[in-house]
């Protein structure tokens, strides 16, 4: 039988892991101790099973990951000594809304506005939409490259590598020790970076056939269709992660290569934090 899936996220000086109905965030405190916060969590899909249907579950997973990720980041900032207190629920909701608004501005509004300059070359709406999509992809790659050069972010990316290596070790049914974890690669097919790249690529083809109406209609149509794009992307990466087909594996390689930007090799102390986080959500019989 396949092992139940676990997922994670790098946070400030730590790692968040989710699995078996729990979320654990382990953070290395300034004094060297590892602070682990464990919370029970259930998906809204448990109350509304219809949301487990293909396409719908991807959009739900993305939204829930945003909320859990923000909560874990807030806890990690406090535990690492960078913030005095955690965000309240209202502050958290406001932060998520602001993050979504900024992402829509950067990756939706700016590319579709800039694509109008291609009118000098063509009036074909399909070509204009494709040009917009490739502009969006270029902005996304440039954004990842830019933040990957920031010193503080590079440390977070080391924890990102520790998260991947630890999950690989768990999936290989090996004891979670630093030495075992170090043997595994830092690039994982179910990484959020790979998911975002697939979102960018899927959006190119979904938006290509929407015509070329006024700017505000173009932006609104892309926002409305974003859950569909996320749902399609989720199904693609879910299928690819479980497939042994060589062609499928080749198709997801760009998502793995992109993780060379968003992960770094962790040191032993970072791996220890990732192990603590995964152990906190995993039943003993699964280790």
C-alpha atoms as a PDB file:
ATOM      1  CA  UNK A   1       0.000   0.000   0.000  1.00  0.00           C
ATOM      2  CA  UNK A   2       1.113   3.554  -0.705  1.00  0.00           C
ATOM      3  CA  UNK A   3       1.996   5.591   2.347  1.00  0.00           C
ATOM      4  CA  UNK A   4      -0.372   8.473   3.159  1.00  0.00           C
ATOM      5  CA  UNK A   5       0.917  11.695   1.676  1.00  0.00           C
ATOM      6  CA  UNK A   6       2.431  14.401   3.831  1.00  0.00           C
ATOM      7  CA  UNK A   7       3.253  17.911   2.719  1.00  0.00           C
ATOM      8  CA  UNK A   8       5.140  20.830   4.104  1.00  0.00           C
ATOM      9  CA  UNK A   9       6.420  24.346   3.817  1.00  0.00           C
ATOM     10  CA  UNK A  10       9.523  26.203   4.868  1.00  0.00           C
ATOM     11  CA  UNK A  11       8.971  29.016   7.355  1.00  0.00           C
ATOM     12  CA  UNK A  12      11.233  31.415   9.237  1.00  0.00           C
ATOM     13  CA  UNK A  13      13.938  29.290  10.881  1.00  0.00           C
ATOM     14  CA  UNK A  14      11.783  26.209  10.566  1.00  0.00           C
ATOM     15  CA  UNK A  15       9.492  23.831   8.732  1.00  0.00           C
ATOM     16  CA  UNK A  16       5.757  23.225   8.753  1.00  0.00           C
ATOM     17  CA  UNK A  17       4.481  19.704   8.028  1.00  0.00           C
ATOM     18  CA  UNK A  18       0.887  18.604   7.439  1.00  0.00           C
ATOM     19  CA  UNK A  19      -0.461  15.071   7.555  1.00  0.00           C
ATOM     20  CA  UNK A  20      -2.723  12.652   9.429  1.00  0.00           C
ATOM     21  CA  UNK A  21      -5.111  15.427  10.467  1.00  0.00           C
ATOM     22  CA  UNK A  22      -2.413  17.567  12.073  1.00  0.00           C
ATOM     23  CA  UNK A  23      -0.210  20.511  11.289  1.00  0.00           C
ATOM     24  CA  UNK A  24       3.114  20.907  13.081  1.00  0.00           C
ATOM     25  CA  UNK A  25       5.455  23.875  12.826  1.00  0.00           C
ATOM     26  CA  UNK A  26       8.949  23.354  14.225  1.00  0.00           C
ATOM     27  CA  UNK A  27      11.149  26.429  14.680  1.00  0.00           C
ATOM     28  CA  UNK A  28      14.735  26.825  15.873  1.00  0.00           C
ATOM     29  CA  UNK A  29      14.619  29.468  18.590  1.00  0.00           C
ATOM     30  CA  UNK A  30      17.468  31.946  19.183  1.00  0.00           C
ATOM     31  CA  UNK A  31      18.691  29.894  22.182  1.00  0.00           C
ATOM     32  CA  UNK A  32      19.000  26.780  19.979  1.00  0.00           C
ATOM     33  CA  UNK A  33      15.929  24.929  21.258  1.00  0.00           C
ATOM     34  CA  UNK A  34      13.335  23.596  18.801  1.00  0.00           C
ATOM     35  CA  UNK A  35       9.828  24.901  19.482  1.00  0.00           C
ATOM     36  CA  UNK A  36       7.115  22.673  17.984  1.00  0.00           C
ATOM     37  CA  UNK A  37       3.522  23.835  17.659  1.00  0.00           C
ATOM     38  CA  UNK A  38       1.005  21.067  16.881  1.00  0.00           C
ATOM     39  CA  UNK A  39      -2.588  21.678  15.857  1.00  0.00           C
ATOM     40  CA  UNK A  40      -5.379  19.413  14.707  1.00  0.00           C
ATOM     41  CA  UNK A  41      -6.695  20.404  11.319  1.00  0.00           C
ATOM     42  CA  UNK A  42      -9.479  19.214   9.062  1.00  0.00           C
ATOM     43  CA  UNK A  43     -10.223  20.185   5.499  1.00  0.00           C
ATOM     44  CA  UNK A  44     -13.506  21.775   4.524  1.00  0.00           C
ATOM     45  CA  UNK A  45     -13.799  18.863   2.088  1.00  0.00           C
ATOM     46  CA  UNK A  46     -14.646  16.628   5.071  1.00  0.00           C
ATOM     47  CA  UNK A  47     -17.802  18.657   5.705  1.00  0.00           C
ATOM     48  CA  UNK A  48     -18.610  19.153   2.035  1.00  0.00           C
ATOM     49  CA  UNK A  49     -17.552  15.968   0.181  1.00  0.00           C
ATOM     50  CA  UNK A  50     -18.483  17.495  -3.175  1.00  0.00           C
ATOM     51  CA  UNK A  51     -15.347  19.616  -2.849  1.00  0.00           C
ATOM     52  CA  UNK A  52     -13.275  16.428  -3.152  1.00  0.00           C
ATOM     53  CA  UNK A  53     -14.228  16.136  -6.815  1.00  0.00           C
ATOM     54  CA  UNK A  54     -11.437  16.647  -9.357  1.00  0.00           C
ATOM     55  CA  UNK A  55     -10.822  20.313 -10.220  1.00  0.00           C
ATOM     56  CA  UNK A  56     -12.678  21.509  -7.104  1.00  0.00           C
ATOM     57  CA  UNK A  57     -10.233  19.884  -4.681  1.00  0.00           C
ATOM     58  CA  UNK A  58      -7.285  21.694  -6.234  1.00  0.00           C
ATOM     59  CA  UNK A  59      -8.744  25.152  -5.662  1.00  0.00           C
ATOM     60  CA  UNK A  60      -9.689  24.196  -2.091  1.00  0.00           C
ATOM     61  CA  UNK A  61      -6.203  22.804  -1.411  1.00  0.00           C
ATOM     62  CA  UNK A  62      -4.589  26.014  -2.668  1.00  0.00           C
ATOM     63  CA  UNK A  63      -6.742  28.257  -0.467  1.00  0.00           C
ATOM     64  CA  UNK A  64      -6.300  26.080   2.624  1.00  0.00           C
ATOM     65  CA  UNK A  65      -2.547  25.958   2.051  1.00  0.00           C
ATOM     66  CA  UNK A  66      -2.451  29.759   1.959  1.00  0.00           C
ATOM     67  CA  UNK A  67      -4.256  30.018   5.296  1.00  0.00           C
ATOM     68  CA  UNK A  68      -2.177  27.331   7.023  1.00  0.00           C
ATOM     69  CA  UNK A  69       1.016  28.732   5.548  1.00  0.00           C
ATOM     70  CA  UNK A  70       0.291  32.235   6.841  1.00  0.00           C
ATOM     71  CA  UNK A  71      -0.494  30.876  10.315  1.00  0.00           C
ATOM     72  CA  UNK A  72       2.736  28.901  10.387  1.00  0.00           C
ATOM     73  CA  UNK A  73       4.736  31.895   9.177  1.00  0.00           C
ATOM     74  CA  UNK A  74       3.213  34.032  11.911  1.00  0.00           C
ATOM     75  CA  UNK A  75       4.111  31.462  14.580  1.00  0.00           C
ATOM     76  CA  UNK A  76       7.626  31.006  13.214  1.00  0.00           C
ATOM     77  CA  UNK A  77       8.285  34.757  13.165  1.00  0.00           C
ATOM     78  CA  UNK A  78       7.384  34.967  16.851  1.00  0.00           C
ATOM     79  CA  UNK A  79       9.274  31.809  17.855  1.00  0.00           C
ATOM     80  CA  UNK A  80      12.383  32.905  15.940  1.00  0.00           C
ATOM     81  CA  UNK A  81      12.308  36.242  17.773  1.00  0.00           C
ATOM     82  CA  UNK A  82      11.410  38.376  14.754  1.00  0.00           C
ATOM     83  CA  UNK A  83       7.917  39.378  15.924  1.00  0.00           C
ATOM     84  CA  UNK A  84       6.506  40.127  19.376  1.00  0.00           C
ATOM     85  CA  UNK A  85       3.206  38.306  18.817  1.00  0.00           C
ATOM     86  CA  UNK A  86       1.330  36.213  16.296  1.00  0.00           C
ATOM     87  CA  UNK A  87      -1.207  37.641  13.879  1.00  0.00           C
ATOM     88  CA  UNK A  88      -4.824  37.669  14.991  1.00  0.00           C
ATOM     89  CA  UNK A  89      -7.433  35.971  12.798  1.00  0.00           C
ATOM     90  CA  UNK A  90      -8.524  39.347  11.373  1.00  0.00           C
ATOM     91  CA  UNK A  91      -4.924  40.309  10.646  1.00  0.00           C
ATOM     92  CA  UNK A  92      -4.346  36.920   9.070  1.00  0.00           C
ATOM     93  CA  UNK A  93      -7.348  37.268   6.757  1.00  0.00           C
ATOM     94  CA  UNK A  94      -6.244  40.769   5.821  1.00  0.00           C
ATOM     95  CA  UNK A  95      -2.737  39.524   5.062  1.00  0.00           C
ATOM     96  CA  UNK A  96      -4.047  36.713   2.844  1.00  0.00           C
ATOM     97  CA  UNK A  97      -6.321  39.124   0.953  1.00  0.00           C
ATOM     98  CA  UNK A  98      -3.444  41.568   0.479  1.00  0.00           C
ATOM     99  CA  UNK A  99      -1.133  38.771  -0.729  1.00  0.00           C
ATOM    100  CA  UNK A 100      -3.747  37.591  -3.248  1.00  0.00           C
ATOM    101  CA  UNK A 101      -4.316  41.160  -4.446  1.00  0.00           C
ATOM    102  CA  UNK A 102      -0.595  41.758  -4.932  1.00  0.00           C
ATOM    103  CA  UNK A 103      -0.205  38.428  -6.768  1.00  0.00           C
ATOM    104  CA  UNK A 104      -3.131  39.277  -9.068  1.00  0.00           C
ATOM    105  CA  UNK A 105      -1.590  42.671  -9.779  1.00  0.00           C
ATOM    106  CA  UNK A 106       1.872  41.304 -10.515  1.00  0.00           C
ATOM    107  CA  UNK A 107       0.975  38.127 -12.397  1.00  0.00           C
ATOM    108  CA  UNK A 108      -2.397  39.026 -13.964  1.00  0.00           C
ATOM    109  CA  UNK A 109      -2.921  42.787 -14.327  1.00  0.00           C
ATOM    110  CA  UNK A 110       0.607  43.789 -15.375  1.00  0.00           C
ATOM    111  CA  UNK A 111       1.060  41.070 -18.061  1.00  0.00           C
ATOM    112  CA  UNK A 112      -2.354  41.620 -19.650  1.00  0.00           C
ATOM    113  CA  UNK A 113      -1.776  45.397 -19.681  1.00  0.00           C
ATOM    114  CA  UNK A 114       1.715  45.046 -21.156  1.00  0.00           C
ATOM    115  CA  UNK A 115       0.517  42.639 -23.849  1.00  0.00           C
ATOM    116  CA  UNK A 116      -1.385  45.471 -25.534  1.00  0.00           C
ATOM    117  CA  UNK A 117       1.915  46.637 -27.010  1.00  0.00           C
ATOM    118  CA  UNK A 118       1.886  43.520 -29.194  1.00  0.00           C
ATOM    119  CA  UNK A 119      -0.996  45.179 -31.089  1.00  0.00           C
ATOM    120  CA  UNK A 120       1.726  46.772 -33.197  1.00  0.00           C
ATOM    121  CA  UNK A 121       2.470  43.302 -34.554  1.00  0.00           C
ATOM    122  CA  UNK A 122      -0.914  41.560 -34.622  1.00  0.00           C
ATOM    123  CA  UNK A 123      -4.593  41.881 -33.744  1.00  0.00           C
ATOM    124  CA  UNK A 124      -5.120  38.133 -33.413  1.00  0.00           C
ATOM    125  CA  UNK A 125      -6.631  37.628 -29.908  1.00  0.00           C
ATOM    126  CA  UNK A 126      -5.125  34.141 -29.524  1.00  0.00           C
ATOM    127  CA  UNK A 127      -1.621  35.424 -30.241  1.00  0.00           C
ATOM    128  CA  UNK A 128      -2.144  38.385 -27.890  1.00  0.00           C
ATOM    129  CA  UNK A 129      -3.320  36.059 -25.108  1.00  0.00           C
ATOM    130  CA  UNK A 130      -0.385  33.731 -25.681  1.00  0.00           C
ATOM    131  CA  UNK A 131       1.993  36.705 -25.564  1.00  0.00           C
ATOM    132  CA  UNK A 132       0.405  37.768 -22.282  1.00  0.00           C
ATOM    133  CA  UNK A 133       0.864  34.255 -20.909  1.00  0.00           C
ATOM    134  CA  UNK A 134       4.543  34.164 -21.772  1.00  0.00           C
ATOM    135  CA  UNK A 135       5.014  37.623 -20.230  1.00  0.00           C
ATOM    136  CA  UNK A 136       3.407  36.258 -17.066  1.00  0.00           C
ATOM    137  CA  UNK A 137       5.797  33.310 -17.075  1.00  0.00           C
ATOM    138  CA  UNK A 138       8.809  35.605 -17.562  1.00  0.00           C
ATOM    139  CA  UNK A 139       7.693  37.828 -14.658  1.00  0.00           C
ATOM    140  CA  UNK A 140       7.235  34.755 -12.458  1.00  0.00           C
ATOM    141  CA  UNK A 141      10.697  33.399 -13.257  1.00  0.00           C
ATOM    142  CA  UNK A 142      12.285  36.826 -12.776  1.00  0.00           C
ATOM    143  CA  UNK A 143      10.533  37.167  -9.409  1.00  0.00           C
ATOM    144  CA  UNK A 144      11.831  33.786  -8.216  1.00  0.00           C
ATOM    145  CA  UNK A 145      15.336  34.601  -9.422  1.00  0.00           C
ATOM    146  CA  UNK A 146      15.296  37.974  -7.668  1.00  0.00           C
ATOM    147  CA  UNK A 147      14.145  36.682  -4.275  1.00  0.00           C
ATOM    148  CA  UNK A 148      16.538  33.718  -4.502  1.00  0.00           C
ATOM    149  CA  UNK A 149      19.420  36.206  -4.338  1.00  0.00           C
ATOM    150  CA  UNK A 150      18.248  37.648  -0.995  1.00  0.00           C
ATOM    151  CA  UNK A 151      20.314  36.405   1.945  1.00  0.00           C
ATOM    152  CA  UNK A 152      17.397  35.959   4.376  1.00  0.00           C
ATOM    153  CA  UNK A 153      15.333  34.142   1.757  1.00  0.00           C
ATOM    154  CA  UNK A 154      18.227  31.822   0.964  1.00  0.00           C
ATOM    155  CA  UNK A 155      18.107  30.594   4.565  1.00  0.00           C
ATOM    156  CA  UNK A 156      14.378  29.897   4.217  1.00  0.00           C
ATOM    157  CA  UNK A 157      15.187  28.010   1.017  1.00  0.00           C
ATOM    158  CA  UNK A 158      17.633  25.846   2.992  1.00  0.00           C
ATOM    159  CA  UNK A 159      14.754  24.845   5.254  1.00  0.00           C
ATOM    160  CA  UNK A 160      12.756  24.207   2.077  1.00  0.00           C
ATOM    161  CA  UNK A 161      15.442  21.730   1.035  1.00  0.00           C
ATOM    162  CA  UNK A 162      15.340  20.128   4.480  1.00  0.00           C
ATOM    163  CA  UNK A 163      11.571  19.714   4.170  1.00  0.00           C
ATOM    164  CA  UNK A 164      11.878  17.921   0.821  1.00  0.00           C
ATOM    165  CA  UNK A 165      14.678  15.629   1.940  1.00  0.00           C
ATOM    166  CA  UNK A 166      12.789  14.644   5.091  1.00  0.00           C
ATOM    167  CA  UNK A 167       9.604  13.839   3.166  1.00  0.00           C
ATOM    168  CA  UNK A 168      11.621  11.748   0.724  1.00  0.00           C
ATOM    169  CA  UNK A 169      13.099   9.798   3.650  1.00  0.00           C
ATOM    170  CA  UNK A 170       9.613   9.187   5.093  1.00  0.00           C
ATOM    171  CA  UNK A 171       8.317   8.028   1.693  1.00  0.00           C
ATOM    172  CA  UNK A 172      11.255   5.622   1.410  1.00  0.00           C
ATOM    173  CA  UNK A 173      10.295   3.975   4.740  1.00  0.00           C
ATOM    174  CA  UNK A 174      13.631   4.774   6.326  1.00  0.00           C
ATOM    175  CA  UNK A 175      14.087   5.912   9.945  1.00  0.00           C
ATOM    176  CA  UNK A 176      14.036   9.695  10.223  1.00  0.00           C
ATOM    177  CA  UNK A 177      17.640  10.374  11.148  1.00  0.00           C
ATOM    178  CA  UNK A 178      19.859  13.184   9.948  1.00  0.00           C
ATOM    179  CA  UNK A 179      22.181  10.756   8.175  1.00  0.00           C
ATOM    180  CA  UNK A 180      19.300   9.059   6.340  1.00  0.00           C
ATOM    181  CA  UNK A 181      17.682  12.347   5.345  1.00  0.00           C
ATOM    182  CA  UNK A 182      20.940  13.767   3.973  1.00  0.00           C
ATOM    183  CA  UNK A 183      21.068  11.000   1.335  1.00  0.00           C
ATOM    184  CA  UNK A 184      17.987  12.261  -0.496  1.00  0.00           C
ATOM    185  CA  UNK A 185      17.675  15.003  -3.141  1.00  0.00           C
ATOM    186  CA  UNK A 186      16.256  18.405  -2.334  1.00  0.00           C
ATOM    187  CA  UNK A 187      14.027  18.466  -5.443  1.00  0.00           C
ATOM    188  CA  UNK A 188      10.551  16.970  -4.929  1.00  0.00           C
ATOM    189  CA  UNK A 189       7.860  16.476  -7.623  1.00  0.00           C
ATOM    190  CA  UNK A 190       5.026  17.624  -5.335  1.00  0.00           C
ATOM    191  CA  UNK A 191       6.708  20.910  -4.443  1.00  0.00           C
ATOM    192  CA  UNK A 192       4.657  24.102  -4.467  1.00  0.00           C
ATOM    193  CA  UNK A 193       7.203  25.661  -6.815  1.00  0.00           C
ATOM    194  CA  UNK A 194       6.473  22.985  -9.419  1.00  0.00           C
ATOM    195  CA  UNK A 195       2.761  23.522  -8.838  1.00  0.00           C
ATOM    196  CA  UNK A 196       3.068  27.276  -9.473  1.00  0.00           C
ATOM    197  CA  UNK A 197       4.997  26.674 -12.687  1.00  0.00           C
ATOM    198  CA  UNK A 198       2.241  24.348 -13.906  1.00  0.00           C
ATOM    199  CA  UNK A 199      -0.326  27.015 -12.966  1.00  0.00           C
ATOM    200  CA  UNK A 200       1.546  29.491 -15.167  1.00  0.00           C
ATOM    201  CA  UNK A 201       1.684  27.064 -18.092  1.00  0.00           C
ATOM    202  CA  UNK A 202      -1.943  25.916 -17.782  1.00  0.00           C
ATOM    203  CA  UNK A 203      -3.125  29.533 -17.592  1.00  0.00           C
ATOM    204  CA  UNK A 204      -1.453  30.255 -20.940  1.00  0.00           C
ATOM    205  CA  UNK A 205      -3.670  27.715 -22.682  1.00  0.00           C
ATOM    206  CA  UNK A 206      -6.855  28.363 -20.677  1.00  0.00           C
ATOM    207  CA  UNK A 207      -6.724  32.127 -21.263  1.00  0.00           C
ATOM    208  CA  UNK A 208      -5.683  31.835 -24.920  1.00  0.00           C
ATOM    209  CA  UNK A 209      -9.247  31.487 -26.175  1.00  0.00           C
ATOM    210  CA  UNK A 210     -10.943  34.253 -24.175  1.00  0.00           C
ATOM    211  CA  UNK A 211     -10.772  36.867 -26.900  1.00  0.00           C
ATOM    212  CA  UNK A 212      -9.288  40.316 -26.313  1.00  0.00           C
ATOM    213  CA  UNK A 213     -11.938  42.530 -24.639  1.00  0.00           C
ATOM    214  CA  UNK A 214     -11.292  45.691 -22.589  1.00  0.00           C
ATOM    215  CA  UNK A 215      -8.545  45.598 -19.952  1.00  0.00           C
ATOM    216  CA  UNK A 216     -10.838  45.367 -16.910  1.00  0.00           C
ATOM    217  CA  UNK A 217     -12.782  42.486 -18.478  1.00  0.00           C
ATOM    218  CA  UNK A 218      -9.548  40.640 -19.248  1.00  0.00           C
ATOM    219  CA  UNK A 219      -8.340  41.024 -15.663  1.00  0.00           C
ATOM    220  CA  UNK A 220     -11.722  40.010 -14.205  1.00  0.00           C
ATOM    221  CA  UNK A 221     -11.988  36.934 -16.467  1.00  0.00           C
ATOM    222  CA  UNK A 222      -8.569  35.727 -15.355  1.00  0.00           C
ATOM    223  CA  UNK A 223      -9.412  36.160 -11.678  1.00  0.00           C
ATOM    224  CA  UNK A 224     -12.713  34.294 -12.123  1.00  0.00           C
ATOM    225  CA  UNK A 225     -10.996  31.417 -13.958  1.00  0.00           C
ATOM    226  CA  UNK A 226      -8.106  31.177 -11.489  1.00  0.00           C
ATOM    227  CA  UNK A 227      -9.811  28.404  -9.415  1.00  0.00           C
ATOM    228  CA  UNK A 228     -10.242  26.366 -12.617  1.00  0.00           C
ATOM    229  CA  UNK A 229      -6.578  26.857 -13.514  1.00  0.00           C
ATOM    230  CA  UNK A 230      -5.539  25.858  -9.983  1.00  0.00           C
ATOM    231  CA  UNK A 231      -7.783  22.792 -10.120  1.00  0.00           C
ATOM    232  CA  UNK A 232      -6.364  21.621 -13.443  1.00  0.00           C
ATOM    233  CA  UNK A 233      -2.806  22.208 -12.250  1.00  0.00           C
ATOM    234  CA  UNK A 234      -3.437  20.278  -9.034  1.00  0.00           C
ATOM    235  CA  UNK A 235      -4.713  17.252 -10.953  1.00  0.00           C
ATOM    236  CA  UNK A 236      -1.712  17.351 -13.286  1.00  0.00           C
ATOM    237  CA  UNK A 237       0.866  17.466 -10.508  1.00  0.00           C
ATOM    238  CA  UNK A 238      -1.008  14.856  -8.447  1.00  0.00           C
ATOM    239  CA  UNK A 239      -1.045  12.466 -11.398  1.00  0.00           C
ATOM    240  CA  UNK A 240       2.567  13.175 -12.339  1.00  0.00           C
ATOM    241  CA  UNK A 241       3.835  12.598  -8.790  1.00  0.00           C
ATOM    242  CA  UNK A 242       2.342   9.078  -8.731  1.00  0.00           C
ATOM    243  CA  UNK A 243       3.207   8.125 -12.311  1.00  0.00           C
ATOM    244  CA  UNK A 244       6.175   5.971 -13.294  1.00  0.00           C
ATOM    245  CA  UNK A 245       5.790   6.801 -16.987  1.00  0.00           C
ATOM    246  CA  UNK A 246       9.064   8.132 -18.403  1.00  0.00           C
ATOM    247  CA  UNK A 247       7.306  10.687 -20.620  1.00  0.00           C
ATOM    248  CA  UNK A 248       5.346  12.058 -17.675  1.00  0.00           C
ATOM    249  CA  UNK A 249       8.499  12.281 -15.595  1.00  0.00           C
ATOM    250  CA  UNK A 250      10.238  14.142 -18.433  1.00  0.00           C
ATOM    251  CA  UNK A 251       7.307  16.569 -18.675  1.00  0.00           C
ATOM    252  CA  UNK A 252       7.575  17.593 -15.011  1.00  0.00           C
ATOM    253  CA  UNK A 253      11.350  18.072 -15.108  1.00  0.00           C
ATOM    254  CA  UNK A 254      11.107  21.873 -15.588  1.00  0.00           C
ATOM    255  CA  UNK A 255       9.236  22.037 -12.265  1.00  0.00           C
ATOM    256  CA  UNK A 256      12.074  20.139 -10.615  1.00  0.00           C
ATOM    257  CA  UNK A 257      14.740  22.320 -12.250  1.00  0.00           C
ATOM    258  CA  UNK A 258      12.985  25.429 -10.966  1.00  0.00           C
ATOM    259  CA  UNK A 259      13.539  24.151  -7.434  1.00  0.00           C
ATOM    260  CA  UNK A 260      17.243  24.835  -7.903  1.00  0.00           C
ATOM    261  CA  UNK A 261      16.157  28.453  -7.319  1.00  0.00           C
ATOM    262  CA  UNK A 262      13.798  27.830  -4.399  1.00  0.00           C
ATOM    263  CA  UNK A 263      15.747  25.224  -2.426  1.00  0.00           C
ATOM    264  CA  UNK A 264      19.257  25.093  -0.993  1.00  0.00           C
ATOM    265  CA  UNK A 265      21.194  22.296   0.665  1.00  0.00           C
ATOM    266  CA  UNK A 266      20.374  22.407   4.399  1.00  0.00           C
ATOM    267  CA  UNK A 267      22.793  21.906   7.269  1.00  0.00           C
ATOM    268  CA  UNK A 268      22.305  19.214   9.903  1.00  0.00           C
ATOM    269  CA  UNK A 269      20.568  21.551  12.353  1.00  0.00           C
ATOM    270  CA  UNK A 270      17.934  22.429   9.742  1.00  0.00           C
ATOM    271  CA  UNK A 271      17.318  18.767   8.992  1.00  0.00           C
ATOM    272  CA  UNK A 272      16.814  18.170  12.723  1.00  0.00           C
ATOM    273  CA  UNK A 273      14.048  20.800  12.712  1.00  0.00           C
ATOM    274  CA  UNK A 274      12.350  19.234   9.687  1.00  0.00           C
ATOM    275  CA  UNK A 275      12.484  15.801  11.329  1.00  0.00           C
ATOM    276  CA  UNK A 276      10.904  17.147  14.526  1.00  0.00           C
ATOM    277  CA  UNK A 277       8.096  18.689  12.493  1.00  0.00           C
ATOM    278  CA  UNK A 278       7.357  15.506  10.533  1.00  0.00           C
ATOM    279  CA  UNK A 279       7.554  13.286  13.624  1.00  0.00           C
ATOM    280  CA  UNK A 280       4.975  15.519  15.316  1.00  0.00           C
ATOM    281  CA  UNK A 281       2.310  14.766  12.680  1.00  0.00           C
ATOM    282  CA  UNK A 282       3.187  11.153  11.888  1.00  0.00           C
ATOM    283  CA  UNK A 283       1.874   8.203  13.934  1.00  0.00           C
ATOM    284  CA  UNK A 284       4.702   5.991  15.287  1.00  0.00           C
ATOM    285  CA  UNK A 285       3.678   3.036  13.119  1.00  0.00           C
ATOM    286  CA  UNK A 286       4.146   5.190  10.000  1.00  0.00           C
ATOM    287  CA  UNK A 287       7.740   6.148  10.816  1.00  0.00           C
END
